[in-house]
Amino acid sequence: MGRYEEAIDPLIKALQDQNAMVRPGATRSLGDIGDARASDALTYLASNDENADVRSIPLGR
């Protein structure tokens, strides 16, 4: 089990949070972790999130 294993699912859920301050942090964290389970959600948000901060976050390291 990876170091961040327990954080992946809650962070993926946080990508759907209505609070515009939550999604950028979750996006950065998941991008840094690099777990494949978040790939589809991160790719979608990079193109479609209403928050420009989320759309501009580079995915992965």
C-alpha atoms as a PDB file:
ATOM      1  CA  MET A   1       0.000   0.000   0.000  1.00  0.00           C
ATOM      2  CA  GLY A   2       1.400   3.375  -1.041  1.00  0.00           C
ATOM      3  CA  ARG A   3       2.140   6.216   1.292  1.00  0.00           C
ATOM      4  CA  TYR A   4      -0.925   8.199   0.153  1.00  0.00           C
ATOM      5  CA  GLU A   5      -3.270   5.273  -0.499  1.00  0.00           C
ATOM      6  CA  GLU A   6      -5.887   6.363   2.043  1.00  0.00           C
ATOM      7  CA  ALA A   7      -5.997   9.914   0.676  1.00  0.00           C
ATOM      8  CA  ILE A   8      -6.833   9.035  -2.939  1.00  0.00           C
ATOM      9  CA  ASP A   9     -10.578   8.361  -2.653  1.00  0.00           C
ATOM     10  CA  PRO A  10     -11.375  11.373  -0.422  1.00  0.00           C
ATOM     11  CA  LEU A  11      -9.359  13.620  -2.739  1.00  0.00           C
ATOM     12  CA  ILE A  12     -11.206  12.309  -5.802  1.00  0.00           C
ATOM     13  CA  LYS A  13     -14.482  13.046  -4.020  1.00  0.00           C
ATOM     14  CA  ALA A  14     -13.204  16.552  -3.182  1.00  0.00           C
ATOM     15  CA  LEU A  15     -12.840  17.248  -6.903  1.00  0.00           C
ATOM     16  CA  GLN A  16     -16.639  17.543  -6.974  1.00  0.00           C
ATOM     17  CA  ASP A  17     -16.868  19.884  -3.988  1.00  0.00           C
ATOM     18  CA  GLN A  18     -18.989  22.983  -4.567  1.00  0.00           C
ATOM     19  CA  ASN A  19     -16.485  25.122  -2.653  1.00  0.00           C
ATOM     20  CA  ALA A  20     -14.162  26.709  -5.196  1.00  0.00           C
ATOM     21  CA  MET A  21     -11.346  26.708  -2.627  1.00  0.00           C
ATOM     22  CA  VAL A  22     -11.397  22.915  -2.199  1.00  0.00           C
ATOM     23  CA  ARG A  23     -11.038  21.705  -5.811  1.00  0.00           C
ATOM     24  CA  PRO A  24      -7.667  23.371  -6.577  1.00  0.00           C
ATOM     25  CA  GLY A  25      -6.048  21.793  -3.519  1.00  0.00           C
ATOM     26  CA  ALA A  26      -7.465  18.369  -4.316  1.00  0.00           C
ATOM     27  CA  THR A  27      -6.345  18.736  -7.934  1.00  0.00           C
ATOM     28  CA  ARG A  28      -2.791  19.661  -6.939  1.00  0.00           C
ATOM     29  CA  SER A  29      -2.579  16.852  -4.403  1.00  0.00           C
ATOM     30  CA  LEU A  30      -3.822  14.195  -6.799  1.00  0.00           C
ATOM     31  CA  GLY A  31      -1.547  15.471  -9.545  1.00  0.00           C
ATOM     32  CA  ASP A  32       1.427  15.251  -7.197  1.00  0.00           C
ATOM     33  CA  ILE A  33       0.488  11.771  -6.020  1.00  0.00           C
ATOM     34  CA  GLY A  34       0.082  10.578  -9.600  1.00  0.00           C
ATOM     35  CA  ASP A  35      -2.329   7.717  -8.926  1.00  0.00           C
ATOM     36  CA  ALA A  36      -4.001   6.419 -12.093  1.00  0.00           C
ATOM     37  CA  ARG A  37      -7.409   6.233 -10.382  1.00  0.00           C
ATOM     38  CA  ALA A  38      -7.646  10.018 -10.503  1.00  0.00           C
ATOM     39  CA  SER A  39      -6.614  10.359 -14.138  1.00  0.00           C
ATOM     40  CA  ASP A  40     -10.081  10.561 -15.719  1.00  0.00           C
ATOM     41  CA  ALA A  41     -11.434  13.021 -13.157  1.00  0.00           C
ATOM     42  CA  LEU A  42      -8.353  15.251 -13.390  1.00  0.00           C
ATOM     43  CA  THR A  43      -8.427  15.242 -17.178  1.00  0.00           C
ATOM     44  CA  TYR A  44     -12.097  16.218 -17.154  1.00  0.00           C
ATOM     45  CA  LEU A  45     -11.554  19.043 -14.670  1.00  0.00           C
ATOM     46  CA  ALA A  46      -8.571  20.384 -16.603  1.00  0.00           C
ATOM     47  CA  SER A  47     -10.914  21.108 -19.497  1.00  0.00           C
ATOM     48  CA  ASN A  48     -14.271  21.704 -17.862  1.00  0.00           C
ATOM     49  CA  ASP A  49     -14.045  23.104 -14.336  1.00  0.00           C
ATOM     50  CA  GLU A  50     -15.630  26.527 -13.897  1.00  0.00           C
ATOM     51  CA  ASN A  51     -12.690  27.582 -11.719  1.00  0.00           C
ATOM     52  CA  ALA A  52      -9.774  28.863 -13.822  1.00  0.00           C
ATOM     53  CA  ASP A  53      -7.369  27.951 -11.004  1.00  0.00           C
ATOM     54  CA  VAL A  54      -8.364  24.298 -11.342  1.00  0.00           C
ATOM     55  CA  ARG A  55      -8.085  24.348 -15.148  1.00  0.00           C
ATOM     56  CA  SER A  56      -4.609  25.873 -15.004  1.00  0.00           C
ATOM     57  CA  ILE A  57      -3.032  23.381 -12.577  1.00  0.00           C
ATOM     58  CA  PRO A  58      -0.448  21.198 -14.318  1.00  0.00           C
ATOM     59  CA  LEU A  59      -1.219  17.529 -13.841  1.00  0.00           C
ATOM     60  CA  GLY A  60       1.558  15.280 -12.623  1.00  0.00           C
ATOM     61  CA  ARG A  61       5.068  16.163 -11.635  1.00  0.00           C
END
